[in-house]
Amino acid sequence: MSTATTTSEKTLNQKVGLAFGAVYVLVGILGFLLAGGSDFVGKEGELLLGIFQVNGLHNVVHLLIGVALAGAAMSSPAASRSTNLTVGVVYLLLGILGWFIVDTALNIVALNAADHILHLLSGILLIVVARGVGEPRMA
C-alpha cells in the first residue's frame, strides 16, 4: 500500500469550492428562470426559494462566482484556496454592507435580509476553509 498522495485527491478547499461553485451556478440558472418579470438591475426582484430576492444582474453574479469557484477548484489547491479566500472576503463584506445599502440606489442586485445572512455565512465558511482549517499549510 502506497502512502503517496495521488493527484486525483481533492483538498478541502477544492471540495468546498466545487460544492459552492455548483450551487451558485445552479442558483444563477434558477434565478434566470424566475426573474424574467423583474428589471435586470434594481432594488426589486423575484423571490428565489421563496426568500432570496434576485434580478438579472444578481443571477449573472451568481453564475460568475460559481464558475470562478468551480474552475479554481478544478485547477489546483492553491488556486482554490485563493479563490475561496477572495470570494469569502467579498461575501463577508457584502453581508455587512448589504444591511446599509438595501434601501439605497446602490442596491442594484436586489439584495434583501435573507441575502445578507447567506452572504455572511458563506463568507465566513469560505474564509475558514481557505485559512487552512483541516489542511496542512502550503508554502
Protein backbone atom coordinates (compact mmCIF):
# COMPACT_ATOMS: atom_id res chain seq x y z
CA MET A 1 0.00 0.00 0.00
CA SER A 2 1.45 3.32 -1.06
CA THR A 3 1.49 6.32 1.26
CA ALA A 4 1.93 8.79 -1.60
CA THR A 5 -0.94 11.17 -2.28
CA THR A 6 -2.45 10.87 -5.73
CA THR A 7 -3.24 13.92 -7.81
CA SER A 8 -6.89 12.91 -8.01
CA GLU A 9 -7.44 13.52 -4.30
CA LYS A 10 -9.10 16.87 -3.69
CA THR A 11 -8.25 19.15 -0.79
CA LEU A 12 -10.93 20.54 1.48
CA ASN A 13 -10.63 23.87 -0.35
CA GLN A 14 -11.25 22.16 -3.67
CA LYS A 15 -14.21 20.17 -2.36
CA VAL A 16 -15.81 23.27 -0.83
CA GLY A 17 -15.03 25.34 -3.95
CA LEU A 18 -16.62 22.72 -6.19
CA ALA A 19 -19.70 22.42 -3.96
CA PHE A 20 -20.19 26.18 -3.62
CA GLY A 21 -19.45 26.67 -7.32
CA ALA A 22 -22.06 24.10 -8.34
CA VAL A 23 -24.65 25.61 -6.01
CA TYR A 24 -24.03 29.17 -7.22
CA VAL A 25 -24.21 28.13 -10.89
CA LEU A 26 -27.48 26.31 -10.18
CA VAL A 27 -28.85 29.32 -8.28
CA GLY A 28 -27.87 31.61 -11.16
CA ILE A 29 -29.68 29.41 -13.67
CA LEU A 30 -32.77 29.03 -11.47
CA GLY A 31 -32.79 32.78 -10.88
CA PHE A 32 -32.96 33.45 -14.61
CA LEU A 33 -35.94 31.13 -14.87
CA LEU A 34 -37.73 33.14 -12.15
CA ALA A 35 -36.53 36.70 -12.68
CA GLY A 36 -37.88 37.20 -16.18
CA GLY A 37 -40.51 39.65 -14.94
CA SER A 38 -38.19 41.93 -12.97
CA ASP A 39 -35.77 44.62 -14.09
CA PHE A 40 -32.27 43.40 -14.92
CA VAL A 41 -30.80 45.94 -12.48
CA GLY A 42 -32.57 47.42 -9.46
CA LYS A 43 -33.69 47.15 -5.85
CA GLU A 44 -36.63 44.85 -6.67
CA GLY A 45 -36.54 41.29 -7.92
CA GLU A 46 -38.27 37.95 -7.91
CA LEU A 47 -38.08 35.59 -4.93
CA LEU A 48 -35.88 32.51 -5.31
CA LEU A 49 -36.83 29.65 -2.95
CA GLY A 50 -39.42 32.00 -1.53
CA ILE A 51 -36.92 34.15 0.41
CA PHE A 52 -33.93 35.29 -1.68
CA GLN A 53 -34.61 38.28 -3.91
CA VAL A 54 -32.86 38.15 -7.30
CA ASN A 55 -32.78 40.09 -10.53
CA GLY A 56 -30.87 39.55 -13.77
CA LEU A 57 -27.63 41.13 -12.58
CA HIS A 58 -27.77 39.17 -9.33
CA ASN A 59 -28.08 35.98 -11.40
CA VAL A 60 -25.09 36.91 -13.56
CA VAL A 61 -23.05 37.50 -10.40
CA HIS A 62 -24.08 34.08 -9.07
CA LEU A 63 -23.03 32.44 -12.33
CA LEU A 64 -19.65 34.23 -12.39
CA ILE A 65 -18.89 33.38 -8.77
CA GLY A 66 -19.95 29.78 -9.29
CA VAL A 67 -17.75 29.39 -12.36
CA ALA A 68 -14.81 31.05 -10.58
CA LEU A 69 -15.09 28.80 -7.52
CA ALA A 70 -15.56 25.59 -9.51
CA GLY A 71 -12.89 26.49 -12.07
CA ALA A 72 -10.32 27.28 -9.40
CA ALA A 73 -11.20 24.09 -7.53
CA MET A 74 -10.57 22.04 -10.66
CA SER A 75 -7.36 23.93 -11.40
CA SER A 76 -5.20 23.48 -8.30
CA PRO A 77 -5.31 23.50 -4.49
CA ALA A 78 -3.57 26.90 -4.42
CA ALA A 79 -5.99 28.46 -6.92
CA SER A 80 -8.93 27.04 -5.00
CA ARG A 81 -7.65 28.37 -1.69
CA SER A 82 -7.02 31.83 -3.14
CA THR A 83 -10.42 31.99 -4.82
CA ASN A 84 -12.22 30.72 -1.72
CA LEU A 85 -10.49 33.39 0.35
CA THR A 86 -11.22 36.17 -2.14
CA VAL A 87 -14.89 35.24 -2.57
CA GLY A 88 -15.19 34.72 1.18
CA VAL A 89 -13.88 38.19 1.98
CA VAL A 90 -16.11 39.80 -0.67
CA TYR A 91 -19.16 37.93 0.65
CA LEU A 92 -18.35 38.83 4.24
CA LEU A 93 -18.08 42.50 3.30
CA LEU A 94 -21.25 42.32 1.21
CA GLY A 95 -23.05 40.61 4.08
CA ILE A 96 -22.14 43.52 6.34
CA LEU A 97 -22.54 46.37 3.86
CA GLY A 98 -25.75 44.92 2.44
CA TRP A 99 -27.67 45.98 5.53
CA PHE A 100 -26.69 49.60 4.86
CA ILE A 101 -27.36 49.72 1.11
CA VAL A 102 -30.58 47.71 0.91
CA ASP A 103 -32.83 50.78 0.63
CA THR A 104 -30.48 52.89 -1.50
CA ALA A 105 -29.67 53.29 -5.17
CA LEU A 106 -26.53 51.21 -4.53
CA ASN A 107 -28.68 48.08 -4.19
CA ILE A 108 -28.53 47.19 -7.89
CA VAL A 109 -28.74 43.41 -7.37
CA ALA A 110 -31.99 43.33 -5.37
CA LEU A 111 -30.47 42.33 -2.03
CA ASN A 112 -32.68 41.53 0.94
CA ALA A 113 -32.16 40.37 4.55
CA ALA A 114 -32.02 36.68 3.58
CA ASP A 115 -29.24 37.50 1.09
CA HIS A 116 -27.27 39.36 3.77
CA ILE A 117 -27.41 36.41 6.16
CA LEU A 118 -26.46 33.93 3.44
CA HIS A 119 -23.57 36.14 2.31
CA LEU A 120 -22.28 36.43 5.88
CA LEU A 121 -22.44 32.67 6.46
CA SER A 122 -20.96 31.83 3.05
CA GLY A 123 -18.16 34.35 3.54
CA ILE A 124 -17.26 33.04 6.98
CA LEU A 125 -17.23 29.42 5.81
CA LEU A 126 -15.12 30.17 2.73
CA ILE A 127 -12.63 32.19 4.79
CA VAL A 128 -12.34 29.50 7.48
CA VAL A 129 -11.73 26.80 4.87
CA ALA A 130 -9.27 28.98 2.94
CA ARG A 131 -7.32 29.81 6.10
CA GLY A 132 -6.50 26.12 6.34
CA VAL A 133 -8.79 24.57 8.91
CA GLY A 134 -8.26 20.84 8.50
CA GLU A 135 -5.46 21.15 5.94
CA PRO A 136 -1.70 21.34 6.16
CA ARG A 137 -0.29 24.80 5.35
CA MET A 138 1.02 25.34 1.84
CA ALA A 139 4.32 27.11 1.37
